[in-house]
C-alpha atoms as a PDB file:
ATOM      1  CA  MET A   1      32.042  57.559 -35.088  1.00  0.00           C
ATOM      2  CA  SER A   2      29.553  55.489 -36.727  1.00  0.00           C
ATOM      3  CA  VAL A   3      30.933  52.208 -38.899  1.00  0.00           C
ATOM      4  CA  LEU A   4      29.516  50.620 -41.358  1.00  0.00           C
ATOM      5  CA  THR A   5      29.929  47.808 -43.814  1.00  0.00           C
ATOM      6  CA  GLN A   6      29.893  47.706 -47.444  1.00  0.00           C
ATOM      7  CA  GLN A   7      28.514  45.704 -50.179  1.00  0.00           C
ATOM      8  CA  GLN A   8      29.320  46.669 -53.497  1.00  0.00           C
ATOM      9  CA  ARG A   9      30.303  49.556 -55.376  1.00  0.00           C
ATOM     10  CA  LEU A  10      29.197  53.112 -53.947  1.00  0.00           C
ATOM     11  CA  ALA A  11      27.951  55.976 -56.509  1.00  0.00           C
ATOM     12  CA  VAL A  12      26.186  59.116 -56.535  1.00  0.00           C
ATOM     13  CA  GLY A  13      22.328  57.975 -56.683  1.00  0.00           C
ATOM     14  CA  ASP A  14      22.435  54.852 -54.724  1.00  0.00           C
ATOM     15  CA  ARG A  15      19.114  54.523 -52.779  1.00  0.00           C
ATOM     16  CA  ALA A  16      18.637  52.832 -49.931  1.00  0.00           C
ATOM     17  CA  VAL A  17      15.350  51.904 -47.948  1.00  0.00           C
ATOM     18  CA  SER A  18      15.196  49.881 -44.978  1.00  0.00           C
ATOM     19  CA  ALA A  19      11.857  47.704 -43.421  1.00  0.00           C
ATOM     20  CA  GLU A  20       9.698  49.778 -40.750  1.00  0.00           C
ATOM     21  CA  ARG A  21      10.231  48.712 -37.405  1.00  0.00           C
ATOM     22  CA  ARG A  22       8.699  50.639 -34.224  1.00  0.00           C
ATOM     23  CA  VAL A  23      11.502  53.445 -32.235  1.00  0.00           C
ATOM     24  CA  SER A  24      11.437  51.605 -29.117  1.00  0.00           C
ATOM     25  CA  ASP A  25      12.648  48.208 -30.880  1.00  0.00           C
ATOM     26  CA  VAL A  26      15.446  50.001 -32.647  1.00  0.00           C
ATOM     27  CA  ILE A  27      16.825  51.539 -29.704  1.00  0.00           C
ATOM     28  CA  ALA A  28      16.554  48.595 -27.708  1.00  0.00           C
ATOM     29  CA  ALA A  29      18.608  46.768 -30.274  1.00  0.00           C
ATOM     30  CA  SER A  30      21.460  49.290 -30.575  1.00  0.00           C
ATOM     31  CA  GLY A  31      22.353  48.311 -26.875  1.00  0.00           C
ATOM     32  CA  ALA A  32      21.227  52.303 -26.690  1.00  0.00           C
ATOM     33  CA  THR A  33      18.467  53.429 -23.732  1.00  0.00           C
ATOM     34  CA  PHE A  34      15.610  55.697 -24.638  1.00  0.00           C
ATOM     35  CA  PRO A  35      16.621  59.361 -24.080  1.00  0.00           C
ATOM     36  CA  GLY A  36      12.699  60.223 -23.329  1.00  0.00           C
ATOM     37  CA  SER A  37      10.594  62.401 -25.874  1.00  0.00           C
ATOM     38  CA  GLY A  38      11.715  64.778 -28.001  1.00  0.00           C
ATOM     39  CA  ALA A  39      15.423  64.480 -27.867  1.00  0.00           C
ATOM     40  CA  SER A  40      16.960  65.489 -30.597  1.00  0.00           C
ATOM     41  CA  LEU A  41      19.352  62.383 -30.919  1.00  0.00           C
ATOM     42  CA  THR A  42      16.674  59.951 -31.302  1.00  0.00           C
ATOM     43  CA  GLY A  43      16.821  59.950 -34.638  1.00  0.00           C
ATOM     44  CA  VAL A  44      19.746  60.395 -35.626  1.00  0.00           C
ATOM     45  CA  VAL A  45      20.159  57.027 -33.465  1.00  0.00           C
ATOM     46  CA  VAL A  46      17.101  55.263 -35.099  1.00  0.00           C
ATOM     47  CA  ALA A  47      18.710  56.570 -38.866  1.00  0.00           C
ATOM     48  CA  GLY A  48      22.186  55.369 -38.189  1.00  0.00           C
ATOM     49  CA  VAL A  49      20.947  51.529 -36.432  1.00  0.00           C
ATOM     50  CA  LEU A  50      18.036  50.992 -39.521  1.00  0.00           C
ATOM     51  CA  ASP A  51      19.696  52.838 -42.423  1.00  0.00           C
ATOM     52  CA  ALA A  52      20.630  49.935 -44.763  1.00  0.00           C
ATOM     53  CA  SER A  53      23.077  51.490 -47.242  1.00  0.00           C
ATOM     54  CA  ASN A  54      26.582  50.348 -46.960  1.00  0.00           C
ATOM     55  CA  LEU A  55      29.826  51.956 -46.534  1.00  0.00           C
ATOM     56  CA  ASP A  56      32.797  49.826 -45.761  1.00  0.00           C
ATOM     57  CA  GLY A  57      35.020  51.023 -42.467  1.00  0.00           C
ATOM     58  CA  ALA A  58      33.413  54.540 -42.970  1.00  0.00           C
ATOM     59  CA  ALA A  59      33.703  56.729 -40.198  1.00  0.00           C
ATOM     60  CA  ARG A  60      31.174  59.498 -40.391  1.00  0.00           C
ATOM     61  CA  THR A  61      33.084  62.828 -39.910  1.00  0.00           C
ATOM     62  CA  GLY A  62      30.253  65.354 -40.454  1.00  0.00           C
ATOM     63  CA  LEU A  63      26.336  65.811 -39.920  1.00  0.00           C
ATOM     64  CA  GLN A  64      23.602  68.406 -40.493  1.00  0.00           C
ATOM     65  CA  TRP A  65      20.556  66.891 -38.825  1.00  0.00           C
ATOM     66  CA  ASN A  66      16.927  68.405 -39.129  1.00  0.00           C
ATOM     67  CA  THR A  67      13.947  67.675 -37.188  1.00  0.00           C
ATOM     68  CA  VAL A  68      10.228  68.286 -38.582  1.00  0.00           C
ATOM     69  CA  SER A  69       8.572  66.427 -35.692  1.00  0.00           C
ATOM     70  CA  ALA A  70      10.707  64.088 -33.517  1.00  0.00           C
ATOM     71  CA  VAL A  71      10.334  60.511 -33.092  1.00  0.00           C
ATOM     72  CA  GLU A  72       8.660  58.907 -30.473  1.00  0.00           C
ATOM     73  CA  ALA A  73       9.273  55.339 -28.794  1.00  0.00           C
ATOM     74  CA  ASP A  74       5.726  54.356 -30.369  1.00  0.00           C
ATOM     75  CA  ASP A  75       5.907  55.599 -33.496  1.00  0.00           C
ATOM     76  CA  VAL A  76       6.925  53.204 -36.504  1.00  0.00           C
ATOM     77  CA  VAL A  77       9.336  54.447 -39.175  1.00  0.00           C
ATOM     78  CA  ARG A  78      11.540  53.670 -41.981  1.00  0.00           C
ATOM     79  CA  ALA A  79      15.202  54.993 -43.067  1.00  0.00           C
ATOM     80  CA  GLU A  80      15.592  56.220 -46.716  1.00  0.00           C
ATOM     81  CA  SER A  81      19.237  57.299 -47.655  1.00  0.00           C
ATOM     82  CA  VAL A  82      20.885  58.516 -51.099  1.00  0.00           C
ATOM     83  CA  ILE A  83      24.551  59.043 -51.911  1.00  0.00           C
ATOM     84  CA  THR A  84      24.574  62.603 -53.074  1.00  0.00           C
ATOM     85  CA  ARG A  85      28.347  63.513 -53.506  1.00  0.00           C
ATOM     86  CA  VAL A  86      31.256  61.082 -54.180  1.00  0.00           C
ATOM     87  CA  GLN A  87      34.414  63.294 -53.907  1.00  0.00           C
ATOM     88  CA  ARG A  88      37.899  61.135 -54.259  1.00  0.00           C
ATOM     89  CA  SER A  89      40.879  63.065 -53.553  1.00  0.00           C
ATOM     90  CA  ALA A  90      44.967  61.610 -53.759  1.00  0.00           C
ATOM     91  CA  ASP A  91      44.463  60.092 -50.334  1.00  0.00           C
ATOM     92  CA  THR A  92      40.916  59.746 -49.676  1.00  0.00           C
ATOM     93  CA  VAL A  93      37.105  59.589 -50.477  1.00  0.00           C
ATOM     94  CA  GLU A  94      34.329  61.427 -49.104  1.00  0.00           C
ATOM     95  CA  VAL A  95      30.608  60.697 -48.702  1.00  0.00           C
ATOM     96  CA  ASP A  96      27.786  62.978 -48.688  1.00  0.00           C
ATOM     97  CA  ARG A  97      24.418  60.774 -48.150  1.00  0.00           C
ATOM     98  CA  HIS A  98      20.812  62.238 -47.431  1.00  0.00           C
ATOM     99  CA  LEU A  99      19.081  60.628 -44.502  1.00  0.00           C
ATOM    100  CA  ARG A 100      15.048  60.989 -43.854  1.00  0.00           C
ATOM    101  CA  LEU A 101      13.150  58.828 -41.221  1.00  0.00           C
ATOM    102  CA  ILE A 102      10.026  58.742 -42.765  1.00  0.00           C
ATOM    103  CA  ASP A 103       7.038  57.726 -40.552  1.00  0.00           C
ATOM    104  CA  GLU A 104       4.052  54.661 -41.432  1.00  0.00           C
ATOM    105  CA  ASN A 105       1.995  57.554 -43.219  1.00  0.00           C
ATOM    106  CA  GLY A 106       4.306  58.665 -45.629  1.00  0.00           C
ATOM    107  CA  ASN A 107       5.568  61.813 -43.585  1.00  0.00           C
ATOM    108  CA  VAL A 108       8.963  62.946 -42.957  1.00  0.00           C
ATOM    109  CA  ARG A 109      10.079  63.341 -39.570  1.00  0.00           C
ATOM    110  CA  GLU A 110      13.780  64.100 -39.450  1.00  0.00           C
ATOM    111  CA  GLN A 111      16.417  64.099 -41.688  1.00  0.00           C
ATOM    112  CA  GLY A 112      20.257  65.210 -42.586  1.00  0.00           C
ATOM    113  CA  ILE A 113      23.264  65.203 -44.526  1.00  0.00           C
ATOM    114  CA  GLU A 114      25.899  62.924 -43.157  1.00  0.00           C
ATOM    115  CA  THR A 115      29.876  63.177 -44.522  1.00  0.00           C
ATOM    116  CA  TRP A 116      31.936  59.874 -44.788  1.00  0.00           C
ATOM    117  CA  ARG A 117      35.459  59.480 -44.781  1.00  0.00           C
ATOM    118  CA  LEU A 118      36.007  56.152 -46.670  1.00  0.00           C
ATOM    119  CA  PRO A 119      39.299  54.165 -46.351  1.00  0.00           C
ATOM    120  CA  GLU A 120      41.608  54.096 -49.199  1.00  0.00           C
ATOM    121  CA  GLY A 121      40.931  52.155 -51.777  1.00  0.00           C
ATOM    122  CA  SER A 122      37.240  51.594 -51.137  1.00  0.00           C
ATOM    123  CA  ALA A 123      35.216  51.050 -54.466  1.00  0.00           C
ATOM    124  CA  VAL A 124      33.154  53.958 -55.829  1.00  0.00           C
ATOM    125  CA  GLY A 125      32.139  55.344 -58.971  1.00  0.00           C
ATOM    126  CA  THR A 126      33.259  59.064 -59.578  1.00  0.00           C
ATOM    127  CA  ASP A 127      31.696  60.626 -62.784  1.00  0.00           C
ATOM    128  CA  PRO A 128      31.914  64.405 -63.174  1.00  0.00           C
ATOM    129  CA  ALA A 129      27.438  64.806 -64.327  1.00  0.00           C
ATOM    130  CA  THR A 130      26.608  64.021 -61.143  1.00  0.00           C
ATOM    131  CA  ASP A 131      29.757  65.966 -59.645  1.00  0.00           C
ATOM    132  CA  PHE A 132      27.680  69.683 -59.434  1.00  0.00           C
ATOM    133  CA  CYS A 133      29.904  72.778 -58.895  1.00  0.00           C
ATOM    134  CA  THR A 134      32.679  71.142 -60.269  1.00  0.00           C
ATOM    135  CA  VAL A 135      35.345  72.675 -63.424  1.00  0.00           C
ATOM    136  CA  ALA A 136      34.556  68.961 -64.460  1.00  0.00           C
ATOM    137  CA  TRP A 137      30.631  69.114 -64.245  1.00  0.00           C
ATOM    138  CA  ALA A 138      31.155  72.471 -66.117  1.00  0.00           C
ATOM    139  CA  GLU A 139      33.081  71.540 -69.232  1.00  0.00           C
ATOM    140  CA  LEU A 140      30.662  69.008 -69.637  1.00  0.00           C
ATOM    141  CA  LEU A 141      28.086  71.738 -69.777  1.00  0.00           C
ATOM    142  CA  ARG A 142      29.852  73.520 -72.970  1.00  0.00           C
ATOM    143  CA  GLU A 143      29.395  71.201 -76.074  1.00  0.00           C
ATOM    144  CA  PRO A 144      25.484  71.151 -75.157  1.00  0.00           C
ATOM    145  CA  LEU A 145      25.358  74.791 -74.667  1.00  0.00           C
ATOM    146  CA  ALA A 146      27.473  75.362 -77.356  1.00  0.00           C
ATOM    147  CA  ASP A 147      24.161  73.712 -79.447  1.00  0.00           C
ATOM    148  CA  ASP A 148      21.795  75.380 -77.750  1.00  0.00           C
ATOM    149  CA  ARG A 149      19.875  78.268 -80.414  1.00  0.00           C
ATOM    150  CA  ASN A 150      18.133  79.469 -76.780  1.00  0.00           C
ATOM    151  CA  PHE A 151      21.667  79.671 -74.990  1.00  0.00           C
ATOM    152  CA  THR A 152      23.543  81.059 -77.028  1.00  0.00           C
ATOM    153  CA  SER A 153      21.301  83.362 -79.062  1.00  0.00           C
ATOM    154  CA  SER A 154      19.871  84.892 -75.084  1.00  0.00           C
ATOM    155  CA  LEU A 155      23.550  85.769 -74.863  1.00  0.00           C
ATOM    156  CA  ALA A 156      24.674  86.807 -78.283  1.00  0.00           C
ATOM    157  CA  THR A 157      25.753  90.203 -77.282  1.00  0.00           C
ATOM    158  CA  TRP A 158      27.101  89.813 -73.774  1.00  0.00           C
ATOM    159  CA  ASP A 159      30.375  89.762 -72.104  1.00  0.00           C
ATOM    160  CA  GLY A 160      30.523  88.400 -68.629  1.00  0.00           C
ATOM    161  CA  THR A 161      30.324  85.407 -66.568  1.00  0.00           C
ATOM    162  CA  ILE A 162      28.224  83.115 -64.633  1.00  0.00           C
ATOM    163  CA  GLY A 163      29.132  81.715 -61.781  1.00  0.00           C
ATOM    164  CA  LEU A 164      27.317  78.924 -59.736  1.00  0.00           C
ATOM    165  CA  CYS A 165      28.344  78.047 -56.240  1.00  0.00           C
ATOM    166  CA  CYS A 166      26.612  75.257 -53.509  1.00  0.00           C
ATOM    167  CA  LEU A 167      27.004  74.133 -50.015  1.00  0.00           C
ATOM    168  CA  ASP A 168      27.857  70.300 -50.046  1.00  0.00           C
ATOM    169  CA  GLY A 169      27.466  67.904 -46.782  1.00  0.00           C
ATOM    170  CA  SER A 170      30.787  68.896 -45.604  1.00  0.00           C
ATOM    171  CA  GLY A 171      29.786  72.615 -45.404  1.00  0.00           C
ATOM    172  CA  HIS A 172      32.633  73.224 -47.986  1.00  0.00           C
ATOM    173  CA  ASN A 173      31.888  76.051 -50.738  1.00  0.00           C
ATOM    174  CA  ARG A 174      32.355  74.082 -54.066  1.00  0.00           C
ATOM    175  CA  GLU A 175      31.808  77.169 -56.777  1.00  0.00           C
ATOM    176  CA  VAL A 176      32.425  77.247 -60.711  1.00  0.00           C
ATOM    177  CA  HIS A 177      32.942  80.041 -62.984  1.00  0.00           C
ATOM    178  CA  LEU A 178      31.484  79.847 -66.927  1.00  0.00           C
ATOM    179  CA  ARG A 179      32.997  82.944 -68.520  1.00  0.00           C
ATOM    180  CA  ILE A 180      30.915  83.986 -71.754  1.00  0.00           C
ATOM    181  CA  TYR A 181      31.470  85.711 -74.672  1.00  0.00           C
ATOM    182  CA  ARG A 182      29.200  86.617 -77.255  1.00  0.00           C
ATOM    183  CA  GLY A 183      27.044  83.404 -76.321  1.00  0.00           C
ATOM    184  CA  ARG A 184      30.043  81.197 -76.021  1.00  0.00           C
ATOM    185  CA  ILE A 185      31.960  79.580 -73.099  1.00  0.00           C
ATOM    186  CA  ILE A 186      34.905  80.606 -73.618  1.00  0.00           C
ATOM    187  CA  ASP A 187      36.601  79.700 -69.886  1.00  0.00           C
ATOM    188  CA  ILE A 188      36.000  77.512 -66.669  1.00  0.00           C
ATOM    189  CA  SER A 189      37.547  78.018 -63.892  1.00  0.00           C
END
């Protein structure tokens, strides 16, 4: 499992961009050997070494990786990452991060979503406004939608439920339901 170090508090939307480096130099600096042309793990290793974002004492617990055009030894790439989810539970913090390898022409070569488990006491910022498909997030919609005449008038004669679902980086389905009666949200679950 990869382990990184932290320099600041983490929150959804935090971005990091590395300097551009030749793939063969990154592999050599990491102590690994270049696995060869088109190897599927080369991009994962390069992204992990180049990534400039920091997760103190974190352990990677999930990875979904997609190769558009596999990085090769002579390619020059940079890593860009953005934190897309921070979820705090009673005893852990999970962070999802979207990571991309971009070549010197600006093309995304490889990308993926990593899930990291942070140690207890990690400095993270949680904000219901960025925690899509949760009850807390949906509660933030209640008042603005009540004040939105387009929303209320279009559903003025409707009785039903609007369901929203997403798949987070760790592969979990998150789902929230807005119970609507005559243009008003009467329940969120």
